[in-house]
Amino acid sequence: MIILTLQACGDKKLNGGYEIDSSEESSKLELVYTDEEGNAVTVIEENIVGVGQNSDFIIVKQHPPTYGNVNYCYIIPLKNKISTNFEKNIIGPLVGSSFDDERRRLGVPENLNFNVLEK
């Protein structure tokens, strides 16, 4: 299975209507979902530091500024969705072993890794 990578200076569009973008108020990267009518909604606010995707999943790593060395991780199923509501398909924030456990439960491949993002 081929893992799609993101280039720091290139397009940050992801599968399933998701995209990495910088917020209007800050240069911090955030995850945005755009629906079929073109309405964009921020679903994970700022400080995204890594993302990985394939045709079945998107994984996102966020470093919230108020939590020291803790990283939050999120899993977004693209094929076996939990709900038709995109917000209910975002699993997280997950920390440490809870991310690993959920990853195994959902069948996210071990070779799907986070690619470091830079603004």
N, C-alpha and C. Protein backbone atom coordinates (compact mmCIF):
# COMPACT_ATOMS: atom_id res chain seq x y z
N MET A 1 0.84 -1.17 0.00
CA MET A 1 0.00 0.00 0.00
C MET A 1 0.89 1.24 0.00
N ILE A 2 0.56 2.18 -0.85
CA ILE A 2 1.36 3.39 -0.95
C ILE A 2 0.84 4.42 0.04
N ILE A 3 1.75 5.00 0.80
CA ILE A 3 1.39 6.05 1.74
C ILE A 3 1.63 7.39 1.07
N LEU A 4 0.61 8.22 1.07
CA LEU A 4 0.75 9.55 0.49
C LEU A 4 1.44 10.46 1.49
N THR A 5 2.39 11.24 1.02
CA THR A 5 3.09 12.15 1.91
C THR A 5 2.75 13.58 1.55
N LEU A 6 2.93 14.45 2.51
CA LEU A 6 2.69 15.87 2.31
C LEU A 6 4.03 16.58 2.26
N GLN A 7 4.13 17.53 1.39
CA GLN A 7 5.33 18.34 1.31
C GLN A 7 5.07 19.63 2.06
N ALA A 8 6.03 20.08 2.83
CA ALA A 8 5.85 21.27 3.65
C ALA A 8 5.50 22.49 2.81
N CYS A 9 6.10 22.62 1.64
CA CYS A 9 5.85 23.81 0.84
C CYS A 9 4.79 23.55 -0.23
N GLY A 10 4.25 22.36 -0.30
CA GLY A 10 3.29 22.04 -1.35
C GLY A 10 1.86 22.06 -0.87
N ASP A 11 1.00 21.43 -1.65
CA ASP A 11 -0.42 21.36 -1.36
C ASP A 11 -0.66 20.51 -0.12
N LYS A 12 -1.53 20.96 0.76
CA LYS A 12 -1.80 20.22 1.99
C LYS A 12 -3.22 19.66 1.98
N LYS A 13 -3.75 19.39 0.80
CA LYS A 13 -5.06 18.76 0.71
C LYS A 13 -4.92 17.30 1.09
N LEU A 14 -5.91 16.82 1.83
CA LEU A 14 -5.94 15.43 2.26
C LEU A 14 -7.14 14.75 1.62
N ASN A 15 -7.26 13.47 1.82
CA ASN A 15 -8.39 12.71 1.32
C ASN A 15 -9.66 13.07 2.09
N GLY A 16 -10.81 12.79 1.50
CA GLY A 16 -12.08 12.88 2.20
C GLY A 16 -12.58 14.28 2.50
N GLY A 17 -12.08 15.30 1.82
CA GLY A 17 -12.53 16.67 2.07
C GLY A 17 -11.77 17.40 3.16
N TYR A 18 -10.72 16.78 3.69
CA TYR A 18 -9.92 17.40 4.74
C TYR A 18 -8.72 18.10 4.14
N GLU A 19 -8.19 19.06 4.89
CA GLU A 19 -7.04 19.83 4.42
C GLU A 19 -6.32 20.43 5.62
N ILE A 20 -5.01 20.54 5.52
CA ILE A 20 -4.22 21.23 6.53
C ILE A 20 -4.08 22.68 6.06
N ASP A 21 -4.38 23.59 6.96
CA ASP A 21 -4.38 25.01 6.62
C ASP A 21 -3.88 25.79 7.81
N SER A 22 -3.50 27.04 7.60
CA SER A 22 -3.15 27.88 8.74
C SER A 22 -4.35 28.77 9.07
N SER A 23 -4.58 28.95 10.36
CA SER A 23 -5.73 29.74 10.79
C SER A 23 -5.51 31.20 10.42
N GLU A 24 -6.60 31.93 10.33
CA GLU A 24 -6.52 33.35 9.98
C GLU A 24 -5.82 34.15 11.07
N GLU A 25 -6.01 33.77 12.34
CA GLU A 25 -5.44 34.52 13.44
C GLU A 25 -3.98 34.18 13.72
N SER A 26 -3.50 33.07 13.18
CA SER A 26 -2.17 32.62 13.55
C SER A 26 -1.55 31.84 12.41
N SER A 27 -0.27 31.59 12.53
CA SER A 27 0.41 30.80 11.51
C SER A 27 0.40 29.32 11.85
N LYS A 28 -0.29 28.94 12.92
CA LYS A 28 -0.35 27.55 13.35
C LYS A 28 -1.23 26.73 12.42
N LEU A 29 -0.81 25.51 12.12
CA LEU A 29 -1.55 24.65 11.21
C LEU A 29 -2.75 24.02 11.91
N GLU A 30 -3.87 23.90 11.18
CA GLU A 30 -5.09 23.31 11.69
C GLU A 30 -5.69 22.39 10.64
N LEU A 31 -6.61 21.51 11.07
CA LEU A 31 -7.29 20.61 10.16
C LEU A 31 -8.67 21.19 9.85
N VAL A 32 -8.96 21.31 8.56
CA VAL A 32 -10.22 21.89 8.09
C VAL A 32 -10.94 20.85 7.25
N TYR A 33 -12.27 20.80 7.40
CA TYR A 33 -13.10 19.93 6.57
C TYR A 33 -13.97 20.82 5.69
N THR A 34 -14.04 20.51 4.39
CA THR A 34 -14.90 21.24 3.46
C THR A 34 -15.96 20.30 2.94
N ASP A 35 -17.22 20.66 3.15
CA ASP A 35 -18.32 19.79 2.71
C ASP A 35 -18.59 19.97 1.22
N GLU A 36 -19.57 19.23 0.71
CA GLU A 36 -19.88 19.24 -0.72
C GLU A 36 -20.37 20.59 -1.22
N GLU A 37 -20.91 21.43 -0.33
CA GLU A 37 -21.36 22.76 -0.71
C GLU A 37 -20.25 23.81 -0.64
N GLY A 38 -19.06 23.38 -0.22
CA GLY A 38 -17.92 24.30 -0.12
C GLY A 38 -17.79 25.01 1.22
N ASN A 39 -18.57 24.61 2.21
CA ASN A 39 -18.48 25.20 3.54
C ASN A 39 -17.30 24.58 4.29
N ALA A 40 -16.40 25.42 4.78
CA ALA A 40 -15.21 24.94 5.49
C ALA A 40 -15.40 25.12 6.99
N VAL A 41 -15.03 24.06 7.75
CA VAL A 41 -15.14 24.07 9.21
C VAL A 41 -13.82 23.57 9.78
N THR A 42 -13.28 24.30 10.75
CA THR A 42 -12.08 23.84 11.45
C THR A 42 -12.48 22.72 12.40
N VAL A 43 -11.82 21.56 12.27
CA VAL A 43 -12.17 20.41 13.11
C VAL A 43 -11.10 20.09 14.15
N ILE A 44 -9.86 20.45 13.90
CA ILE A 44 -8.80 20.35 14.90
C ILE A 44 -8.04 21.66 14.83
N GLU A 45 -8.14 22.41 15.92
CA GLU A 45 -7.54 23.75 15.93
C GLU A 45 -6.04 23.69 16.15
N GLU A 46 -5.36 24.52 15.54
CA GLU A 46 -3.93 24.81 15.54
C GLU A 46 -3.00 23.81 16.20
N ASN A 47 -1.76 24.04 15.88
CA ASN A 47 -0.63 23.27 16.40
C ASN A 47 -0.57 21.83 15.91
N ILE A 48 -1.02 21.60 14.69
CA ILE A 48 -0.84 20.28 14.08
C ILE A 48 0.61 20.18 13.65
N VAL A 49 1.26 19.10 14.06
CA VAL A 49 2.69 18.93 13.78
C VAL A 49 2.97 17.75 12.86
N GLY A 50 1.98 16.88 12.64
CA GLY A 50 2.20 15.72 11.78
C GLY A 50 0.89 15.17 11.27
N VAL A 51 0.96 14.56 10.10
CA VAL A 51 -0.22 13.94 9.52
C VAL A 51 0.23 12.79 8.61
N GLY A 52 -0.59 11.76 8.54
CA GLY A 52 -0.36 10.65 7.63
C GLY A 52 -1.70 10.24 7.05
N GLN A 53 -1.68 9.69 5.86
CA GLN A 53 -2.94 9.26 5.25
C GLN A 53 -2.71 8.14 4.25
N ASN A 54 -3.76 7.38 4.06
CA ASN A 54 -3.87 6.45 2.95
C ASN A 54 -5.31 6.51 2.50
N SER A 55 -5.77 5.58 1.71
CA SER A 55 -7.14 5.67 1.21
C SER A 55 -8.19 5.31 2.26
N ASP A 56 -7.77 4.73 3.39
CA ASP A 56 -8.70 4.32 4.43
C ASP A 56 -8.71 5.21 5.66
N PHE A 57 -7.59 5.87 5.97
CA PHE A 57 -7.46 6.62 7.22
C PHE A 57 -6.63 7.89 7.03
N ILE A 58 -6.91 8.86 7.90
CA ILE A 58 -6.02 10.00 8.13
C ILE A 58 -5.67 9.95 9.61
N ILE A 59 -4.38 10.13 9.93
CA ILE A 59 -3.96 10.26 11.32
C ILE A 59 -3.34 11.65 11.48
N VAL A 60 -3.61 12.26 12.62
CA VAL A 60 -3.15 13.63 12.87
C VAL A 60 -2.51 13.70 14.25
N LYS A 61 -1.38 14.40 14.32
CA LYS A 61 -0.72 14.63 15.61
C LYS A 61 -0.75 16.14 15.88
N GLN A 62 -1.18 16.49 17.08
CA GLN A 62 -1.31 17.88 17.49
C GLN A 62 -0.49 18.09 18.77
N HIS A 63 0.16 19.22 18.86
CA HIS A 63 0.89 19.57 20.09
C HIS A 63 0.24 20.81 20.69
N PRO A 64 -0.74 20.62 21.60
CA PRO A 64 -1.39 21.77 22.22
C PRO A 64 -0.40 22.55 23.07
N PRO A 65 -0.37 23.87 22.95
CA PRO A 65 0.65 24.67 23.64
C PRO A 65 0.54 24.65 25.16
N THR A 66 -0.61 24.36 25.70
CA THR A 66 -0.79 24.43 27.14
C THR A 66 -0.53 23.11 27.85
N TYR A 67 -0.11 22.06 27.11
CA TYR A 67 0.06 20.75 27.74
C TYR A 67 1.48 20.23 27.71
N GLY A 68 2.47 21.11 27.68
CA GLY A 68 3.87 20.68 27.77
C GLY A 68 4.29 19.73 26.68
N ASN A 69 4.77 18.55 27.06
CA ASN A 69 5.29 17.58 26.10
C ASN A 69 4.24 16.60 25.59
N VAL A 70 2.99 16.80 25.93
CA VAL A 70 1.92 15.88 25.51
C VAL A 70 1.52 16.17 24.07
N ASN A 71 1.39 15.11 23.28
CA ASN A 71 0.84 15.22 21.93
C ASN A 71 -0.51 14.53 21.90
N TYR A 72 -1.46 15.15 21.24
CA TYR A 72 -2.76 14.53 20.99
C TYR A 72 -2.71 13.89 19.62
N CYS A 73 -3.32 12.72 19.50
CA CYS A 73 -3.41 12.05 18.21
C CYS A 73 -4.88 11.82 17.88
N TYR A 74 -5.18 11.84 16.60
CA TYR A 74 -6.55 11.66 16.10
C TYR A 74 -6.52 10.65 14.96
N ILE A 75 -7.60 9.91 14.83
CA ILE A 75 -7.77 8.98 13.72
C ILE A 75 -9.07 9.34 13.03
N ILE A 76 -9.02 9.44 11.70
CA ILE A 76 -10.22 9.73 10.92
C ILE A 76 -10.41 8.60 9.92
N PRO A 77 -11.40 7.72 10.15
CA PRO A 77 -11.69 6.67 9.17
C PRO A 77 -12.34 7.30 7.93
N LEU A 78 -11.86 6.92 6.77
CA LEU A 78 -12.42 7.46 5.53
C LEU A 78 -13.38 6.50 4.85
N LYS A 79 -13.14 5.21 4.96
CA LYS A 79 -14.02 4.22 4.31
C LYS A 79 -15.07 3.67 5.25
N ASN A 80 -14.67 3.20 6.41
CA ASN A 80 -15.61 2.63 7.39
C ASN A 80 -15.97 3.71 8.40
N LYS A 81 -16.74 4.68 7.94
CA LYS A 81 -17.09 5.82 8.77
C LYS A 81 -18.03 5.40 9.89
N ILE A 82 -17.89 6.09 11.00
CA ILE A 82 -18.74 5.85 12.17
C ILE A 82 -20.10 6.49 11.96
N SER A 83 -20.13 7.64 11.28
CA SER A 83 -21.35 8.42 11.12
C SER A 83 -21.29 9.17 9.79
N THR A 84 -22.43 9.62 9.31
CA THR A 84 -22.45 10.49 8.13
C THR A 84 -22.04 11.91 8.51
N ASN A 85 -22.05 12.23 9.79
CA ASN A 85 -21.61 13.53 10.29
C ASN A 85 -20.09 13.49 10.43
N PHE A 86 -19.39 14.33 9.67
CA PHE A 86 -17.93 14.29 9.65
C PHE A 86 -17.32 14.50 11.03
N GLU A 87 -17.94 15.32 11.88
CA GLU A 87 -17.39 15.60 13.21
C GLU A 87 -17.36 14.36 14.09
N LYS A 88 -18.32 13.45 13.91
CA LYS A 88 -18.37 12.23 14.71
C LYS A 88 -17.38 11.18 14.23
N ASN A 89 -16.75 11.40 13.07
CA ASN A 89 -15.77 10.47 12.53
C ASN A 89 -14.35 10.79 12.98
N ILE A 90 -14.18 11.83 13.75
CA ILE A 90 -12.85 12.18 14.24
C ILE A 90 -12.70 11.56 15.63
N ILE A 91 -11.81 10.58 15.72
CA ILE A 91 -11.60 9.85 16.97
C ILE A 91 -10.40 10.47 17.68
N GLY A 92 -10.65 11.05 18.83
CA GLY A 92 -9.60 11.68 19.59
C GLY A 92 -10.12 12.92 20.28
N PRO A 93 -9.29 13.56 21.07
CA PRO A 93 -7.86 13.36 21.16
C PRO A 93 -7.50 12.10 21.95
N LEU A 94 -6.47 11.42 21.46
CA LEU A 94 -5.95 10.22 22.09
C LEU A 94 -4.51 10.48 22.50
N VAL A 95 -4.12 9.92 23.64
CA VAL A 95 -2.77 10.13 24.17
C VAL A 95 -2.13 8.78 24.44
N GLY A 96 -0.85 8.65 24.06
CA GLY A 96 -0.05 7.46 24.38
C GLY A 96 -0.65 6.16 23.93
N SER A 97 -0.80 5.22 24.88
CA SER A 97 -1.25 3.87 24.53
C SER A 97 -2.71 3.84 24.07
N SER A 98 -3.52 4.85 24.44
CA SER A 98 -4.90 4.86 23.95
C SER A 98 -4.93 5.06 22.44
N PHE A 99 -3.98 5.82 21.89
CA PHE A 99 -3.88 5.96 20.43
C PHE A 99 -3.48 4.62 19.81
N ASP A 100 -2.49 3.95 20.39
CA ASP A 100 -2.05 2.66 19.86
C ASP A 100 -3.16 1.62 19.92
N ASP A 101 -3.91 1.60 21.02
CA ASP A 101 -5.02 0.65 21.17
C ASP A 101 -6.11 0.91 20.14
N GLU A 102 -6.48 2.17 19.97
CA GLU A 102 -7.54 2.51 19.00
C GLU A 102 -7.07 2.25 17.58
N ARG A 103 -5.83 2.50 17.32
CA ARG A 103 -5.24 2.24 16.00
C ARG A 103 -5.36 0.76 15.65
N ARG A 104 -5.01 -0.11 16.61
CA ARG A 104 -5.12 -1.56 16.38
C ARG A 104 -6.59 -1.98 16.20
N ARG A 105 -7.47 -1.44 17.05
CA ARG A 105 -8.89 -1.79 17.00
C ARG A 105 -9.50 -1.45 15.64
N LEU A 106 -9.11 -0.31 15.09
CA LEU A 106 -9.67 0.14 13.81
C LEU A 106 -8.96 -0.47 12.60
N GLY A 107 -7.79 -1.07 12.82
CA GLY A 107 -7.04 -1.66 11.70
C GLY A 107 -6.22 -0.66 10.92
N VAL A 108 -5.78 0.41 11.57
CA VAL A 108 -4.89 1.37 10.91
C VAL A 108 -3.54 0.70 10.73
N PRO A 109 -3.04 0.61 9.50
CA PRO A 109 -1.78 -0.10 9.25
C PRO A 109 -0.61 0.48 10.05
N GLU A 110 0.26 -0.42 10.51
CA GLU A 110 1.44 0.00 11.27
C GLU A 110 2.37 0.87 10.44
N ASN A 111 2.35 0.68 9.12
CA ASN A 111 3.27 1.45 8.27
C ASN A 111 2.71 2.83 7.89
N LEU A 112 1.55 3.19 8.41
CA LEU A 112 1.02 4.54 8.23
C LEU A 112 1.57 5.41 9.34
N ASN A 113 2.48 6.31 8.99
CA ASN A 113 3.20 7.11 9.97
C ASN A 113 2.87 8.59 9.82
N PHE A 114 3.25 9.36 10.82
CA PHE A 114 3.08 10.81 10.77
C PHE A 114 4.23 11.41 9.96
N ASN A 115 3.89 12.28 9.04
CA ASN A 115 4.88 13.08 8.33
C ASN A 115 4.94 14.44 9.01
N VAL A 116 6.12 14.90 9.33
CA VAL A 116 6.28 16.17 10.02
C VAL A 116 5.87 17.31 9.08
N LEU A 117 5.09 18.23 9.62
CA LEU A 117 4.65 19.39 8.86
C LEU A 117 5.38 20.62 9.34
N GLU A 118 5.67 21.50 8.41
CA GLU A 118 6.27 22.79 8.75
C GLU A 118 5.47 23.85 8.07
N LYS A 119 5.36 24.99 8.72
CA LYS A 119 4.64 26.12 8.14
C LYS A 119 5.46 26.74 7.06
